[in-house]
Amino acid sequence: TGTVNPKKRIAALIHKCHSIVKDLHPNVTENDLHALFFPFGPICTVKVCRDIRTKLSRGYGFVIFKCRHDAENALKALKFSELMGKPMNIMWAEDMTVKVLSRDD
């Protein structure tokens, strides 16, 4: 019947590779997150959002996998696991790239 808009299909795949990690310990670094998530598959980007003044983690970050399947496995395995003694909450992230690719121009 109808065909799926290729931009929407790409956006859905990109969206499912982006995860947000919340409730991070203030001392968590990109290297810490990378070491935790890397066993699940190749990672494109790891970012810990930091306070401009203190340079400490603001309590959340992003992990972007190359493959959706790897992101799904990491999310299932690591949700509410501890890093530096603090449980993390991991979920799918909403990304501006997804919004831009999903627009009907």
PDB file of N, CA and C in Angstrom:
ATOM      1  N   THR A   1       0.833  -1.189   0.000  1.00  0.00           N
ATOM      2  CA  THR A   1       0.000   0.000   0.000  1.00  0.00           C
ATOM      3  C   THR A   1       0.874   1.248   0.000  1.00  0.00           C
ATOM      4  N   GLY A   2       1.095   1.917   1.126  1.00  0.00           N
ATOM      5  CA  GLY A   2       1.926   3.119   1.147  1.00  0.00           C
ATOM      6  C   GLY A   2       3.380   2.783   1.398  1.00  0.00           C
ATOM      7  N   THR A   3       4.239   3.647   0.920  1.00  0.00           N
ATOM      8  CA  THR A   3       5.664   3.452   1.177  1.00  0.00           C
ATOM      9  C   THR A   3       6.081   4.324   2.349  1.00  0.00           C
ATOM     10  N   VAL A   4       7.104   3.877   3.052  1.00  0.00           N
ATOM     11  CA  VAL A   4       7.625   4.625   4.190  1.00  0.00           C
ATOM     12  C   VAL A   4       8.615   5.660   3.677  1.00  0.00           C
ATOM     13  N   ASN A   5       8.459   6.877   4.144  1.00  0.00           N
ATOM     14  CA  ASN A   5       9.361   7.963   3.779  1.00  0.00           C
ATOM     15  C   ASN A   5      10.781   7.583   4.198  1.00  0.00           C
ATOM     16  N   PRO A   6      11.751   7.575   3.254  1.00  0.00           N
ATOM     17  CA  PRO A   6      13.126   7.182   3.597  1.00  0.00           C
ATOM     18  C   PRO A   6      13.732   8.024   4.710  1.00  0.00           C
ATOM     19  N   LYS A   7      13.418   9.317   4.760  1.00  0.00           N
ATOM     20  CA  LYS A   7      13.945  10.166   5.830  1.00  0.00           C
ATOM     21  C   LYS A   7      13.435   9.699   7.190  1.00  0.00           C
ATOM     22  N   LYS A   8      12.172   9.304   7.258  1.00  0.00           N
ATOM     23  CA  LYS A   8      11.610   8.830   8.525  1.00  0.00           C
ATOM     24  C   LYS A   8      12.225   7.498   8.922  1.00  0.00           C
ATOM     25  N   ARG A   9      12.487   6.640   7.950  1.00  0.00           N
ATOM     26  CA  ARG A   9      13.111   5.345   8.243  1.00  0.00           C
ATOM     27  C   ARG A   9      14.527   5.555   8.790  1.00  0.00           C
ATOM     28  N   ILE A  10      15.301   6.434   8.160  1.00  0.00           N
ATOM     29  CA  ILE A  10      16.655   6.739   8.633  1.00  0.00           C
ATOM     30  C   ILE A  10      16.590   7.351  10.028  1.00  0.00           C
ATOM     31  N   ALA A  11      15.663   8.271  10.228  1.00  0.00           N
ATOM     32  CA  ALA A  11      15.530   8.917  11.537  1.00  0.00           C
ATOM     33  C   ALA A  11      15.216   7.900  12.620  1.00  0.00           C
ATOM     34  N   ALA A  12      14.356   6.944  12.317  1.00  0.00           N
ATOM     35  CA  ALA A  12      14.010   5.922  13.311  1.00  0.00           C
ATOM     36  C   ALA A  12      15.225   5.083  13.666  1.00  0.00           C
ATOM     37  N   LEU A  13      16.037   4.743  12.678  1.00  0.00           N
ATOM     38  CA  LEU A  13      17.236   3.954  12.958  1.00  0.00           C
ATOM     39  C   LEU A  13      18.243   4.750  13.776  1.00  0.00           C
ATOM     40  N   ILE A  14      18.435   6.010  13.425  1.00  0.00           N
ATOM     41  CA  ILE A  14      19.366   6.843  14.176  1.00  0.00           C
ATOM     42  C   ILE A  14      18.885   6.996  15.607  1.00  0.00           C
ATOM     43  N   HIS A  15      17.591   7.244  15.771  1.00  0.00           N
ATOM     44  CA  HIS A  15      17.026   7.434  17.106  1.00  0.00           C
ATOM     45  C   HIS A  15      17.300   6.221  17.981  1.00  0.00           C
ATOM     46  N   LYS A  16      17.188   5.048  17.437  1.00  0.00           N
ATOM     47  CA  LYS A  16      17.352   3.831  18.227  1.00  0.00           C
ATOM     48  C   LYS A  16      18.809   3.515  18.534  1.00  0.00           C
ATOM     49  N   CYS A  17      19.737   4.296  18.034  1.00  0.00           N
ATOM     50  CA  CYS A  17      21.154   4.095  18.356  1.00  0.00           C
ATOM     51  C   CYS A  17      21.632   5.067  19.431  1.00  0.00           C
ATOM     52  N   HIS A  18      20.804   6.061  19.750  1.00  0.00           N
ATOM     53  CA  HIS A  18      21.165   7.092  20.722  1.00  0.00           C
ATOM     54  C   HIS A  18      20.557   6.753  22.078  1.00  0.00           C
ATOM     55  N   SER A  19      21.394   6.669  23.087  1.00  0.00           N
ATOM     56  CA  SER A  19      20.863   6.457  24.435  1.00  0.00           C
ATOM     57  C   SER A  19      21.328   7.584  25.348  1.00  0.00           C
ATOM     58  N   ILE A  20      20.482   7.905  26.307  1.00  0.00           N
ATOM     59  CA  ILE A  20      20.831   8.886  27.331  1.00  0.00           C
ATOM     60  C   ILE A  20      21.035   8.121  28.631  1.00  0.00           C
ATOM     61  N   VAL A  21      22.072   8.492  29.347  1.00  0.00           N
ATOM     62  CA  VAL A  21      22.400   7.851  30.620  1.00  0.00           C
ATOM     63  C   VAL A  21      22.216   8.915  31.698  1.00  0.00           C
ATOM     64  N   LYS A  22      21.259   8.681  32.590  1.00  0.00           N
ATOM     65  CA  LYS A  22      20.938   9.657  33.633  1.00  0.00           C
ATOM     66  C   LYS A  22      21.397   9.157  34.996  1.00  0.00           C
ATOM     67  N   ASP A  23      21.375  10.056  35.956  1.00  0.00           N
ATOM     68  CA  ASP A  23      21.724   9.757  37.355  1.00  0.00           C
ATOM     69  C   ASP A  23      23.182   9.332  37.504  1.00  0.00           C
ATOM     70  N   LEU A  24      24.060   9.948  36.721  1.00  0.00           N
ATOM     71  CA  LEU A  24      25.486   9.633  36.804  1.00  0.00           C
ATOM     72  C   LEU A  24      26.131  10.274  38.031  1.00  0.00           C
ATOM     73  N   HIS A  25      27.120   9.608  38.550  1.00  0.00           N
ATOM     74  CA  HIS A  25      27.955  10.170  39.618  1.00  0.00           C
ATOM     75  C   HIS A  25      28.672  11.398  39.040  1.00  0.00           C
ATOM     76  N   PRO A  26      28.876  12.463  39.824  1.00  0.00           N
ATOM     77  CA  PRO A  26      29.509  13.685  39.298  1.00  0.00           C
ATOM     78  C   PRO A  26      30.917  13.488  38.737  1.00  0.00           C
ATOM     79  N   ASN A  27      31.616  12.432  39.144  1.00  0.00           N
ATOM     80  CA  ASN A  27      32.989  12.221  38.672  1.00  0.00           C
ATOM     81  C   ASN A  27      33.095  11.316  37.447  1.00  0.00           C
ATOM     82  N   VAL A  28      31.971  10.878  36.898  1.00  0.00           N
ATOM     83  CA  VAL A  28      31.990   9.997  35.725  1.00  0.00           C
ATOM     84  C   VAL A  28      32.564  10.750  34.525  1.00  0.00           C
ATOM     85  N   THR A  29      33.429  10.065  33.768  1.00  0.00           N
ATOM     86  CA  THR A  29      34.041  10.640  32.565  1.00  0.00           C
ATOM     87  C   THR A  29      33.561   9.898  31.323  1.00  0.00           C
ATOM     88  N   GLU A  30      33.899  10.447  30.159  1.00  0.00           N
ATOM     89  CA  GLU A  30      33.606   9.771  28.904  1.00  0.00           C
ATOM     90  C   GLU A  30      34.297   8.407  28.859  1.00  0.00           C
ATOM     91  N   ASN A  31      35.518   8.339  29.363  1.00  0.00           N
ATOM     92  CA  ASN A  31      36.238   7.061  29.374  1.00  0.00           C
ATOM     93  C   ASN A  31      35.521   6.013  30.218  1.00  0.00           C
ATOM     94  N   ASP A  32      34.941   6.438  31.342  1.00  0.00           N
ATOM     95  CA  ASP A  32      34.185   5.511  32.189  1.00  0.00           C
ATOM     96  C   ASP A  32      32.987   4.940  31.433  1.00  0.00           C
ATOM     97  N   LEU A  33      32.229   5.822  30.781  1.00  0.00           N
ATOM     98  CA  LEU A  33      31.060   5.361  30.025  1.00  0.00           C
ATOM     99  C   LEU A  33      31.478   4.490  28.849  1.00  0.00           C
ATOM    100  N   HIS A  34      32.520   4.896  28.149  1.00  0.00           N
ATOM    101  CA  HIS A  34      32.987   4.111  27.009  1.00  0.00           C
ATOM    102  C   HIS A  34      33.382   2.705  27.452  1.00  0.00           C
ATOM    103  N   ALA A  35      34.117   2.600  28.545  1.00  0.00           N
ATOM    104  CA  ALA A  35      34.544   1.287  29.045  1.00  0.00           C
ATOM    105  C   ALA A  35      33.346   0.421  29.421  1.00  0.00           C
ATOM    106  N   LEU A  36      32.302   1.033  29.946  1.00  0.00           N
ATOM    107  CA  LEU A  36      31.114   0.290  30.359  1.00  0.00           C
ATOM    108  C   LEU A  36      30.298  -0.189  29.161  1.00  0.00           C
ATOM    109  N   PHE A  37      30.158   0.658  28.132  1.00  0.00           N
ATOM    110  CA  PHE A  37      29.289   0.350  26.995  1.00  0.00           C
ATOM    111  C   PHE A  37      29.997  -0.374  25.853  1.00  0.00           C
ATOM    112  N   PHE A  38      31.304  -0.215  25.720  1.00  0.00           N
ATOM    113  CA  PHE A  38      32.043  -0.783  24.586  1.00  0.00           C
ATOM    114  C   PHE A  38      31.878  -2.291  24.421  1.00  0.00           C
ATOM    115  N   PRO A  39      31.784  -3.083  25.490  1.00  0.00           N
ATOM    116  CA  PRO A  39      31.617  -4.529  25.299  1.00  0.00           C
ATOM    117  C   PRO A  39      30.361  -4.914  24.506  1.00  0.00           C
ATOM    118  N   PHE A  40      29.406  -3.996  24.362  1.00  0.00           N
ATOM    119  CA  PHE A  40      28.169  -4.307  23.646  1.00  0.00           C
ATOM    120  C   PHE A  40      28.274  -4.042  22.151  1.00  0.00           C
ATOM    121  N   GLY A  41      29.318  -3.343  21.714  1.00  0.00           N
ATOM    122  CA  GLY A  41      29.496  -3.102  20.290  1.00  0.00           C
ATOM    123  C   GLY A  41      30.158  -1.763  20.019  1.00  0.00           C
ATOM    124  N   PRO A  42      30.485  -1.515  18.744  1.00  0.00           N
ATOM    125  CA  PRO A  42      31.164  -0.276  18.361  1.00  0.00           C
ATOM    126  C   PRO A  42      30.344   0.967  18.711  1.00  0.00           C
ATOM    127  N   ILE A  43      31.032   1.960  19.220  1.00  0.00           N
ATOM    128  CA  ILE A  43      30.402   3.204  19.660  1.00  0.00           C
ATOM    129  C   ILE A  43      30.883   4.344  18.767  1.00  0.00           C
ATOM    130  N   CYS A  44      29.951   5.203  18.359  1.00  0.00           N
ATOM    131  CA  CYS A  44      30.304   6.398  17.580  1.00  0.00           C
ATOM    132  C   CYS A  44      30.752   7.532  18.488  1.00  0.00           C
ATOM    133  N   THR A  45      29.978   7.785  19.540  1.00  0.00           N
ATOM    134  CA  THR A  45      30.229   8.940  20.394  1.00  0.00           C
ATOM    135  C   THR A  45      29.824   8.652  21.832  1.00  0.00           C
ATOM    136  N   VAL A  46      30.607   9.173  22.758  1.00  0.00           N
ATOM    137  CA  VAL A  46      30.252   9.176  24.178  1.00  0.00           C
ATOM    138  C   VAL A  46      30.436  10.606  24.666  1.00  0.00           C
ATOM    139  N   LYS A  47      29.429  11.136  25.329  1.00  0.00           N
ATOM    140  CA  LYS A  47      29.488  12.521  25.816  1.00  0.00           C
ATOM    141  C   LYS A  47      28.902  12.588  27.216  1.00  0.00           C
ATOM    142  N   VAL A  48      29.660  13.138  28.148  1.00  0.00           N
ATOM    143  CA  VAL A  48      29.153  13.437  29.484  1.00  0.00           C
ATOM    144  C   VAL A  48      28.915  14.941  29.525  1.00  0.00           C
ATOM    145  N   CYS A  49      27.707  15.355  29.867  1.00  0.00           N
ATOM    146  CA  CYS A  49      27.386  16.779  29.953  1.00  0.00           C
ATOM    147  C   CYS A  49      27.924  17.314  31.272  1.00  0.00           C
ATOM    148  N   ARG A  50      28.654  18.417  31.190  1.00  0.00           N
ATOM    149  CA  ARG A  50      29.371  18.938  32.356  1.00  0.00           C
ATOM    150  C   ARG A  50      28.939  20.357  32.723  1.00  0.00           C
ATOM    151  N   ASP A  51      29.082  20.654  33.998  1.00  0.00           N
ATOM    152  CA  ASP A  51      28.882  22.002  34.506  1.00  0.00           C
ATOM    153  C   ASP A  51      30.027  22.871  33.981  1.00  0.00           C
ATOM    154  N   ILE A  52      29.714  24.039  33.471  1.00  0.00           N
ATOM    155  CA  ILE A  52      30.730  24.909  32.872  1.00  0.00           C
ATOM    156  C   ILE A  52      31.779  25.335  33.891  1.00  0.00           C
ATOM    157  N   ARG A  53      31.355  25.620  35.112  1.00  0.00           N
ATOM    158  CA  ARG A  53      32.286  26.107  36.131  1.00  0.00           C
ATOM    159  C   ARG A  53      33.102  24.994  36.767  1.00  0.00           C
ATOM    160  N   THR A  54      32.431  23.936  37.221  1.00  0.00           N
ATOM    161  CA  THR A  54      33.128  22.888  37.981  1.00  0.00           C
ATOM    162  C   THR A  54      33.735  21.810  37.097  1.00  0.00           C
ATOM    163  N   LYS A  55      33.255  21.704  35.862  1.00  0.00           N
ATOM    164  CA  LYS A  55      33.681  20.663  34.916  1.00  0.00           C
ATOM    165  C   LYS A  55      33.255  19.257  35.358  1.00  0.00           C
ATOM    166  N   LEU A  56      32.430  19.172  36.407  1.00  0.00           N
ATOM    167  CA  LEU A  56      31.920  17.872  36.853  1.00  0.00           C
ATOM    168  C   LEU A  56      30.686  17.499  36.041  1.00  0.00           C
ATOM    169  N   SER A  57      30.412  16.220  35.997  1.00  0.00           N
ATOM    170  CA  SER A  57      29.231  15.720  35.309  1.00  0.00           C
ATOM    171  C   SER A  57      27.979  16.378  35.876  1.00  0.00           C
ATOM    172  N   ARG A  58      27.051  16.726  34.991  1.00  0.00           N
ATOM    173  CA  ARG A  58      25.760  17.274  35.420  1.00  0.00           C
ATOM    174  C   ARG A  58      24.781  16.145  35.726  1.00  0.00           C
ATOM    175  N   GLY A  59      25.270  14.922  35.668  1.00  0.00           N
ATOM    176  CA  GLY A  59      24.428  13.789  36.032  1.00  0.00           C
ATOM    177  C   GLY A  59      23.833  13.046  34.854  1.00  0.00           C
ATOM    178  N   TYR A  60      24.205  13.448  33.635  1.00  0.00           N
ATOM    179  CA  TYR A  60      23.710  12.713  32.471  1.00  0.00           C
ATOM    180  C   TYR A  60      24.705  12.803  31.324  1.00  0.00           C
ATOM    181  N   GLY A  61      24.556  11.880  30.398  1.00  0.00           N
ATOM    182  CA  GLY A  61      25.412  11.846  29.223  1.00  0.00           C
ATOM    183  C   GLY A  61      24.737  11.066  28.116  1.00  0.00           C
ATOM    184  N   PHE A  62      25.432  10.924  26.996  1.00  0.00           N
ATOM    185  CA  PHE A  62      24.889  10.240  25.830  1.00  0.00           C
ATOM    186  C   PHE A  62      25.885   9.214  25.319  1.00  0.00           C
ATOM    187  N   VAL A  63      25.359   8.094  24.852  1.00  0.00           N
ATOM    188  CA  VAL A  63      26.162   7.072  24.194  1.00  0.00           C
ATOM    189  C   VAL A  63      25.475   6.774  22.870  1.00  0.00           C
ATOM    190  N   ILE A  64      26.231   6.887  21.782  1.00  0.00           N
ATOM    191  CA  ILE A  64      25.683   6.629  20.451  1.00  0.00           C
ATOM    192  C   ILE A  64      26.415   5.435  19.856  1.00  0.00           C
ATOM    193  N   PHE A  65      25.673   4.370  19.633  1.00  0.00           N
ATOM    194  CA  PHE A  65      26.221   3.158  19.034  1.00  0.00           C
ATOM    195  C   PHE A  65      26.121   3.231  17.517  1.00  0.00           C
ATOM    196  N   LYS A  66      26.956   2.458  16.841  1.00  0.00           N
ATOM    197  CA  LYS A  66      26.875   2.357  15.383  1.00  0.00           C
ATOM    198  C   LYS A  66      25.681   1.508  14.964  1.00  0.00           C
ATOM    199  N   CYS A  67      25.314   0.539  15.804  1.00  0.00           N
ATOM    200  CA  CYS A  67      24.276  -0.426  15.444  1.00  0.00           C
ATOM    201  C   CYS A  67      23.155  -0.425  16.483  1.00  0.00           C
ATOM    202  N   ARG A  68      21.940  -0.378  16.010  1.00  0.00           N
ATOM    203  CA  ARG A  68      20.773  -0.370  16.891  1.00  0.00           C
ATOM    204  C   ARG A  68      20.730  -1.591  17.798  1.00  0.00           C
ATOM    205  N   HIS A  69      21.062  -2.743  17.250  1.00  0.00           N
ATOM    206  CA  HIS A  69      21.035  -3.988  18.023  1.00  0.00           C
ATOM    207  C   HIS A  69      21.965  -3.895  19.235  1.00  0.00           C
ATOM    208  N   ASP A  70      23.137  -3.338  19.045  1.00  0.00           N
ATOM    209  CA  ASP A  70      24.090  -3.174  20.150  1.00  0.00           C
ATOM    210  C   ASP A  70      23.542  -2.220  21.208  1.00  0.00           C
ATOM    211  N   ALA A  71      22.913  -1.145  20.757  1.00  0.00           N
ATOM    212  CA  ALA A  71      22.319  -0.183  21.692  1.00  0.00           C
ATOM    213  C   ALA A  71      21.208  -0.837  22.508  1.00  0.00           C
ATOM    214  N   GLU A  72      20.384  -1.646  21.854  1.00  0.00           N
ATOM    215  CA  GLU A  72      19.302  -2.347  22.560  1.00  0.00           C
ATOM    216  C   GLU A  72      19.862  -3.293  23.616  1.00  0.00           C
ATOM    217  N   ASN A  73      20.893  -4.044  23.251  1.00  0.00           N
ATOM    218  CA  ASN A  73      21.500  -4.977  24.207  1.00  0.00           C
ATOM    219  C   ASN A  73      22.093  -4.250  25.409  1.00  0.00           C
ATOM    220  N   ALA A  74      22.764  -3.142  25.156  1.00  0.00           N
ATOM    221  CA  ALA A  74      23.353  -2.365  26.252  1.00  0.00           C
ATOM    222  C   ALA A  74      22.266  -1.817  27.165  1.00  0.00           C
ATOM    223  N   LEU A  75      21.210  -1.297  26.562  1.00  0.00           N
ATOM    224  CA  LEU A  75      20.128  -0.731  27.359  1.00  0.00           C
ATOM    225  C   LEU A  75      19.507  -1.797  28.261  1.00  0.00           C
ATOM    226  N   LYS A  76      19.247  -2.968  27.708  1.00  0.00           N
ATOM    227  CA  LYS A  76      18.653  -4.060  28.500  1.00  0.00           C
ATOM    228  C   LYS A  76      19.583  -4.520  29.618  1.00  0.00           C
ATOM    229  N   ALA A  77      20.849  -4.648  29.307  1.00  0.00           N
ATOM    230  CA  ALA A  77      21.800  -5.206  30.278  1.00  0.00           C
ATOM    231  C   ALA A  77      22.202  -4.212  31.364  1.00  0.00           C
ATOM    232  N   LEU A  78      22.258  -2.933  31.020  1.00  0.00           N
ATOM    233  CA  LEU A  78      22.834  -1.959  31.946  1.00  0.00           C
ATOM    234  C   LEU A  78      21.824  -1.074  32.665  1.00  0.00           C
ATOM    235  N   LYS A  79      20.559  -1.131  32.270  1.00  0.00           N
ATOM    236  CA  LYS A  79      19.566  -0.261  32.900  1.00  0.00           C
ATOM    237  C   LYS A  79      19.570  -0.469  34.410  1.00  0.00           C
ATOM    238  N   PHE A  80      19.758   0.603  35.149  1.00  0.00           N
ATOM    239  CA  PHE A  80      19.802   0.637  36.613  1.00  0.00           C
ATOM    240  C   PHE A  80      21.012  -0.085  37.205  1.00  0.00           C
ATOM    241  N   SER A  81      22.014  -0.383  36.365  1.00  0.00           N
ATOM    242  CA  SER A  81      23.257  -0.927  36.928  1.00  0.00           C
ATOM    243  C   SER A  81      24.033   0.233  37.556  1.00  0.00           C
ATOM    244  N   GLU A  82      25.022  -0.097  38.371  1.00  0.00           N
ATOM    245  CA  GLU A  82      25.762   0.935  39.097  1.00  0.00           C
ATOM    246  C   GLU A  82      27.076   1.288  38.408  1.00  0.00           C
ATOM    247  N   LEU A  83      27.409   2.565  38.480  1.00  0.00           N
ATOM    248  CA  LEU A  83      28.708   3.063  38.049  1.00  0.00           C
ATOM    249  C   LEU A  83      29.182   4.011  39.145  1.00  0.00           C
ATOM    250  N   MET A  84      30.340   3.731  39.701  1.00  0.00           N
ATOM    251  CA  MET A  84      30.879   4.496  40.833  1.00  0.00           C
ATOM    252  C   MET A  84      29.912   4.489  42.019  1.00  0.00           C
ATOM    253  N   GLY A  85      29.253   3.346  42.214  1.00  0.00           N
ATOM    254  CA  GLY A  85      28.369   3.179  43.361  1.00  0.00           C
ATOM    255  C   GLY A  85      27.006   3.829  43.235  1.00  0.00           C
ATOM    256  N   LYS A  86      26.670   4.320  42.042  1.00  0.00           N
ATOM    257  CA  LYS A  86      25.390   4.997  41.847  1.00  0.00           C
ATOM    258  C   LYS A  86      24.625   4.343  40.699  1.00  0.00           C
ATOM    259  N   PRO A  87      23.351   3.938  40.924  1.00  0.00           N
ATOM    260  CA  PRO A  87      22.565   3.332  39.842  1.00  0.00           C
ATOM    261  C   PRO A  87      22.289   4.344  38.727  1.00  0.00           C
ATOM    262  N   MET A  88      22.440   3.882  37.489  1.00  0.00           N
ATOM    263  CA  MET A  88      22.194   4.731  36.320  1.00  0.00           C
ATOM    264  C   MET A  88      20.839   4.387  35.723  1.00  0.00           C
ATOM    265  N   ASN A  89      20.211   5.363  35.111  1.00  0.00           N
ATOM    266  CA  ASN A  89      18.982   5.145  34.368  1.00  0.00           C
ATOM    267  C   ASN A  89      19.314   5.373  32.898  1.00  0.00           C
ATOM    268  N   ILE A  90      19.123   4.354  32.078  1.00  0.00           N
ATOM    269  CA  ILE A  90      19.478   4.424  30.658  1.00  0.00           C
ATOM    270  C   ILE A  90      18.207   4.279  29.833  1.00  0.00           C
ATOM    271  N   MET A  91      18.035   5.169  28.856  1.00  0.00           N
ATOM    272  CA  MET A  91      16.855   5.108  27.994  1.00  0.00           C
ATOM    273  C   MET A  91      17.202   5.656  26.611  1.00  0.00           C
ATOM    274  N   TRP A  92      16.270   5.534  25.681  1.00  0.00           N
ATOM    275  CA  TRP A  92      16.478   6.092  24.348  1.00  0.00           C
ATOM    276  C   TRP A  92      16.465   7.606  24.438  1.00  0.00           C
ATOM    277  N   ALA A  93      17.349   8.234  23.671  1.00  0.00           N
ATOM    278  CA  ALA A  93      17.466   9.697  23.683  1.00  0.00           C
ATOM    279  C   ALA A  93      16.706  10.295  22.515  1.00  0.00           C
ATOM    280  N   GLU A  94      16.183  11.484  22.730  1.00  0.00           N
ATOM    281  CA  GLU A  94      15.593  12.282  21.662  1.00  0.00           C
ATOM    282  C   GLU A  94      16.705  13.167  21.128  1.00  0.00           C
ATOM    283  N   ASP A  95      16.952  13.115  19.832  1.00  0.00           N
ATOM    284  CA  ASP A  95      18.086  13.831  19.251  1.00  0.00           C
ATOM    285  C   ASP A  95      17.604  14.801  18.185  1.00  0.00           C
ATOM    286  N   MET A  96      18.239  15.963  18.095  1.00  0.00           N
ATOM    287  CA  MET A  96      17.870  16.950  17.078  1.00  0.00           C
ATOM    288  C   MET A  96      18.031  16.389  15.673  1.00  0.00           C
ATOM    289  N   THR A  97      18.989  15.496  15.477  1.00  0.00           N
ATOM    290  CA  THR A  97      19.170  14.872  14.164  1.00  0.00           C
ATOM    291  C   THR A  97      17.913  14.139  13.755  1.00  0.00           C
ATOM    292  N   VAL A  98      17.299  13.454  14.687  1.00  0.00           N
ATOM    293  CA  VAL A  98      16.075  12.718  14.405  1.00  0.00           C
ATOM    294  C   VAL A  98      14.982  13.686  13.998  1.00  0.00           C
ATOM    295  N   LYS A  99      14.855  14.788  14.705  1.00  0.00           N
ATOM    296  CA  LYS A  99      13.813  15.759  14.387  1.00  0.00           C
ATOM    297  C   LYS A  99      14.020  16.349  13.000  1.00  0.00           C
ATOM    298  N   VAL A 100      15.256  16.678  12.650  1.00  0.00           N
ATOM    299  CA  VAL A 100      15.548  17.264  11.344  1.00  0.00           C
ATOM    300  C   VAL A 100      15.264  16.263  10.234  1.00  0.00           C
ATOM    301  N   LEU A 101      15.716  15.015  10.393  1.00  0.00           N
ATOM    302  CA  LEU A 101      15.509  14.009   9.356  1.00  0.00           C
ATOM    303  C   LEU A 101      14.049  13.596   9.233  1.00  0.00           C
ATOM    304  N   SER A 102      13.255  13.786  10.283  1.00  0.00           N
ATOM    305  CA  SER A 102      11.855  13.379  10.267  1.00  0.00           C
ATOM    306  C   SER A 102      10.945  14.421   9.628  1.00  0.00           C
ATOM    307  N   ARG A 103      11.456  15.633   9.446  1.00  0.00           N
ATOM    308  CA  ARG A 103      10.611  16.683   8.879  1.00  0.00           C
ATOM    309  C   ARG A 103      10.235  16.352   7.450  1.00  0.00           C
ATOM    310  N   ASP A 104       9.035  16.719   7.079  1.00  0.00           N
ATOM    311  CA  ASP A 104       8.598  16.599   5.690  1.00  0.00           C
ATOM    312  C   ASP A 104       8.850  17.929   5.007  1.00  0.00           C
ATOM    313  N   ASP A 105       9.913  18.006   4.219  1.00  0.00           N
ATOM    314  CA  ASP A 105      10.266  19.258   3.525  1.00  0.00           C
ATOM    315  C   ASP A 105       9.676  19.263   2.141  1.00  0.00           C
TER     316      ASP A 105
END
